[in-house]
Amino acid sequence: MSEEETVKKLAEAKAYLEKRISELEGEISRLRSFLDAVDVTLTEKSFKRAEVPKTLPPPFAMPPTVPTPPPPTGPAPSPYQQAYPLKTVTGVYLADVYVSDRELKVVSAPNMKYDVNSPPLRAFLIGRVLEPMQAKDRESARTGELSAERILSYRIEQDGNLLKTIVITNYGDERRLLELKNAIRWTLRRIYEKSVGAS
């Protein structure tokens, strides 16, 4: 093998190693982030068991439907079956979460200012959670395992640089819904903590 070929092989090996290191570091970062989210969720669940009776609805829960059906001219019922506030462990109100059979909607708390360009939102939630899920669904649709109409999609609504809502359609099964809830909670909590630390 000539010296030129040797240099070429070494350069290819270097590029491969750098790529693999980057991929593994990204995976480690994502796993650590999810571990953090799981820890927060476990802590919150522990507090909720002691503090909130299960028979009471959340403070802003949608009113229960009346026993008699509404008149035909009445408003259409909300498509969301679940509605609850998203809070930190210390009780700071971050957002409202709405869940239907196929859609997850997050509405920022009125007093919160979440920068849509912040790393927790752009790099983590979108780059490491939503986009990989969407790519996986597209691949499943390509192989016929999933219909094209069931591919996950998301929409970020903002006012200037401030986050207003996150709408995720076709979130999938309960396992993936839980993963998304944890990722969103971690994202908003991190943005909030950084804004408090910077103030």
Protein backbone atom coordinates (compact mmCIF):
# COMPACT_ATOMS: atom_id res chain seq x y z
CA MET A 1 0.00 0.00 0.00
CA SER A 2 1.40 3.35 -1.01
CA GLU A 3 1.85 6.23 1.43
CA GLU A 4 -0.97 8.13 -0.29
CA GLU A 5 -3.36 5.19 0.17
CA THR A 6 -2.31 4.85 3.80
CA VAL A 7 -3.03 8.54 4.46
CA LYS A 8 -6.40 8.19 2.75
CA LYS A 9 -7.31 5.16 4.88
CA LEU A 10 -6.25 6.93 8.05
CA ALA A 11 -8.32 9.99 7.12
CA GLU A 12 -11.36 7.76 6.52
CA ALA A 13 -10.81 6.02 9.85
CA LYS A 14 -10.50 9.38 11.61
CA ALA A 15 -13.73 10.64 10.03
CA TYR A 16 -15.54 7.45 11.02
CA LEU A 17 -14.29 7.60 14.61
CA GLU A 18 -15.24 11.27 14.94
CA LYS A 19 -18.73 10.52 13.62
CA ARG A 20 -19.23 7.59 15.98
CA ILE A 21 -17.98 9.59 18.98
CA SER A 22 -20.40 12.38 18.11
CA GLU A 23 -23.29 9.92 17.75
CA LEU A 24 -22.50 8.20 21.05
CA GLU A 25 -22.08 11.49 22.89
CA GLY A 26 -25.46 12.60 21.54
CA GLU A 27 -27.06 9.36 22.69
CA ILE A 28 -25.51 9.66 26.15
CA SER A 29 -26.75 13.26 26.40
CA ARG A 30 -30.26 12.22 25.41
CA LEU A 31 -30.30 9.32 27.88
CA ARG A 32 -29.12 11.60 30.68
CA SER A 33 -31.83 14.12 29.78
CA PHE A 34 -34.52 11.46 29.91
CA LEU A 35 -33.15 10.15 33.20
CA ASP A 36 -33.46 13.67 34.56
CA ALA A 37 -37.04 13.86 33.28
CA VAL A 38 -37.88 10.49 34.88
CA ASP A 39 -36.41 11.65 38.19
CA VAL A 40 -38.53 14.81 38.08
CA THR A 41 -41.66 12.84 37.22
CA LEU A 42 -41.10 10.37 40.05
CA THR A 43 -40.61 13.22 42.50
CA GLU A 44 -43.74 15.01 41.28
CA LYS A 45 -45.78 11.81 41.50
CA SER A 46 -44.63 11.32 45.09
CA PHE A 47 -45.77 14.84 46.01
CA LYS A 48 -49.07 14.45 44.18
CA ARG A 49 -49.98 11.24 46.01
CA ALA A 50 -49.65 12.96 49.34
CA GLU A 51 -51.15 16.32 48.43
CA VAL A 52 -53.88 15.88 45.82
CA PRO A 53 -56.85 13.54 46.32
CA LYS A 54 -57.60 11.65 43.13
CA THR A 55 -61.29 12.52 43.37
CA LEU A 56 -60.61 16.23 42.81
CA PRO A 57 -60.22 17.51 39.24
CA PRO A 58 -57.27 19.74 38.32
CA PRO A 59 -57.89 23.43 39.04
CA PHE A 60 -58.51 24.32 35.42
CA ALA A 61 -59.99 21.01 34.25
CA MET A 62 -62.67 21.27 31.62
CA PRO A 63 -66.19 21.22 33.09
CA PRO A 64 -67.86 17.81 33.11
CA THR A 65 -70.40 17.17 30.41
CA VAL A 66 -74.05 17.44 31.45
CA PRO A 67 -76.09 14.21 31.52
CA THR A 68 -78.45 15.43 28.80
CA PRO A 69 -77.06 15.92 25.29
CA PRO A 70 -76.51 19.54 24.22
CA PRO A 71 -78.89 21.04 21.66
CA PRO A 72 -77.76 20.79 18.01
CA THR A 73 -77.04 24.53 17.90
CA GLY A 74 -74.74 24.34 20.94
CA PRO A 75 -70.95 24.49 20.79
CA ALA A 76 -69.03 21.40 19.71
CA PRO A 77 -67.44 19.48 22.59
CA SER A 78 -63.70 19.88 23.06
CA PRO A 79 -61.61 17.22 21.29
CA TYR A 80 -59.33 16.91 24.32
CA GLN A 81 -60.12 14.25 26.91
CA GLN A 82 -57.36 15.25 29.34
CA ALA A 83 -56.37 18.69 30.59
CA TYR A 84 -53.97 19.51 33.38
CA PRO A 85 -51.37 22.09 34.44
CA LEU A 86 -47.68 21.34 34.01
CA LYS A 87 -45.66 22.39 37.05
CA THR A 88 -42.19 22.11 38.52
CA VAL A 89 -41.54 20.11 41.68
CA THR A 90 -41.83 23.34 43.67
CA GLY A 91 -45.21 24.14 42.11
CA VAL A 92 -44.21 26.76 39.53
CA TYR A 93 -46.89 26.82 36.81
CA LEU A 94 -45.20 26.19 33.43
CA ALA A 95 -47.95 25.39 30.93
CA ASP A 96 -51.33 23.78 30.31
CA VAL A 97 -51.37 20.36 28.67
CA TYR A 98 -54.27 18.99 26.61
CA VAL A 99 -54.44 15.44 25.29
CA SER A 100 -56.82 13.80 22.83
CA ASP A 101 -56.66 10.41 21.12
CA ARG A 102 -54.21 11.69 18.50
CA GLU A 103 -53.06 15.13 19.61
CA LEU A 104 -50.99 16.64 22.40
CA LYS A 105 -51.19 20.40 22.87
CA VAL A 106 -49.05 22.47 25.24
CA VAL A 107 -50.02 26.09 25.95
CA SER A 108 -47.46 28.27 27.72
CA ALA A 109 -48.47 29.78 31.05
CA PRO A 110 -49.36 33.47 30.53
CA ASN A 111 -46.53 34.76 32.71
CA MET A 112 -43.83 32.50 31.19
CA LYS A 113 -41.45 33.64 28.47
CA TYR A 114 -39.93 30.64 26.68
CA ASP A 115 -37.40 31.55 23.98
CA VAL A 116 -38.11 29.35 20.94
CA ASN A 117 -34.39 29.43 20.05
CA SER A 118 -33.22 28.11 23.42
CA PRO A 119 -31.15 24.88 23.32
CA PRO A 120 -33.58 22.85 25.47
CA LEU A 121 -36.31 23.48 22.89
CA ARG A 122 -34.36 23.49 19.62
CA ALA A 123 -31.55 21.03 20.30
CA PHE A 124 -33.29 18.68 22.71
CA LEU A 125 -37.07 18.65 22.25
CA ILE A 126 -37.08 19.21 18.49
CA GLY A 127 -33.66 17.88 17.49
CA ARG A 128 -33.45 14.82 19.75
CA VAL A 129 -37.06 13.92 20.44
CA LEU A 130 -39.60 15.12 17.86
CA GLU A 131 -37.52 14.86 14.69
CA PRO A 132 -36.22 11.32 15.45
CA MET A 133 -39.80 10.20 16.24
CA GLN A 134 -41.01 11.72 12.98
CA ALA A 135 -38.17 10.09 11.04
CA LYS A 136 -38.98 6.72 12.61
CA ASP A 137 -42.65 7.08 11.62
CA ARG A 138 -41.69 8.01 8.06
CA GLU A 139 -39.54 4.91 7.82
CA SER A 140 -42.38 2.79 9.21
CA ALA A 141 -44.71 4.32 6.60
CA ARG A 142 -42.18 3.60 3.87
CA THR A 143 -42.07 -0.09 4.86
CA GLY A 144 -45.85 -0.29 5.18
CA GLU A 145 -45.92 -0.72 8.97
CA LEU A 146 -47.67 2.63 9.45
CA SER A 147 -50.11 4.57 7.27
CA ALA A 148 -48.91 7.94 6.00
CA GLU A 149 -51.79 9.64 7.82
CA ARG A 150 -50.41 8.42 11.16
CA ILE A 151 -46.93 9.93 10.86
CA LEU A 152 -46.10 12.20 13.78
CA SER A 153 -46.12 15.90 12.97
CA TYR A 154 -45.57 18.93 15.16
CA ARG A 155 -46.18 22.65 15.05
CA ILE A 156 -44.50 25.34 17.14
CA GLU A 157 -46.59 28.50 17.44
CA GLN A 158 -44.77 31.61 18.60
CA ASP A 159 -45.15 35.34 19.12
CA GLY A 160 -41.87 36.85 18.01
CA ASN A 161 -39.28 34.68 19.76
CA LEU A 162 -41.64 33.58 22.51
CA LEU A 163 -43.26 30.17 22.55
CA LYS A 164 -47.06 30.12 22.62
CA THR A 165 -48.09 26.54 21.90
CA ILE A 166 -46.68 23.19 20.86
CA VAL A 167 -49.06 20.94 18.95
CA ILE A 168 -48.04 17.32 18.34
CA THR A 169 -50.33 15.26 16.12
CA ASN A 170 -50.20 11.45 15.85
CA TYR A 171 -48.10 11.07 18.98
CA GLY A 172 -48.58 7.30 18.89
CA ASP A 173 -49.05 4.90 21.78
CA GLU A 174 -49.14 5.52 25.53
CA ARG A 175 -45.43 4.80 25.92
CA ARG A 176 -44.50 7.47 23.42
CA LEU A 177 -47.05 9.89 24.90
CA LEU A 178 -45.36 9.50 28.29
CA GLU A 179 -41.96 10.04 26.69
CA LEU A 180 -43.21 13.24 25.08
CA LYS A 181 -44.78 14.54 28.31
CA ASN A 182 -41.53 13.95 30.19
CA ALA A 183 -39.46 15.58 27.46
CA ILE A 184 -41.74 18.63 27.35
CA ARG A 185 -41.73 18.98 31.13
CA TRP A 186 -37.93 18.76 31.21
CA THR A 187 -37.61 21.28 28.34
CA LEU A 188 -39.86 23.93 29.86
CA ARG A 189 -38.37 23.43 33.31
CA ARG A 190 -34.84 23.88 31.97
CA ILE A 191 -35.75 27.06 30.07
CA TYR A 192 -37.48 28.42 33.17
CA GLU A 193 -34.54 27.56 35.45
CA LYS A 194 -32.07 29.18 33.08
CA SER A 195 -34.18 32.34 32.85
CA VAL A 196 -34.41 32.54 36.64
CA GLY A 197 -30.67 31.97 36.98
CA ALA A 198 -29.94 34.69 34.43
CA SER A 199 -32.22 37.25 36.09
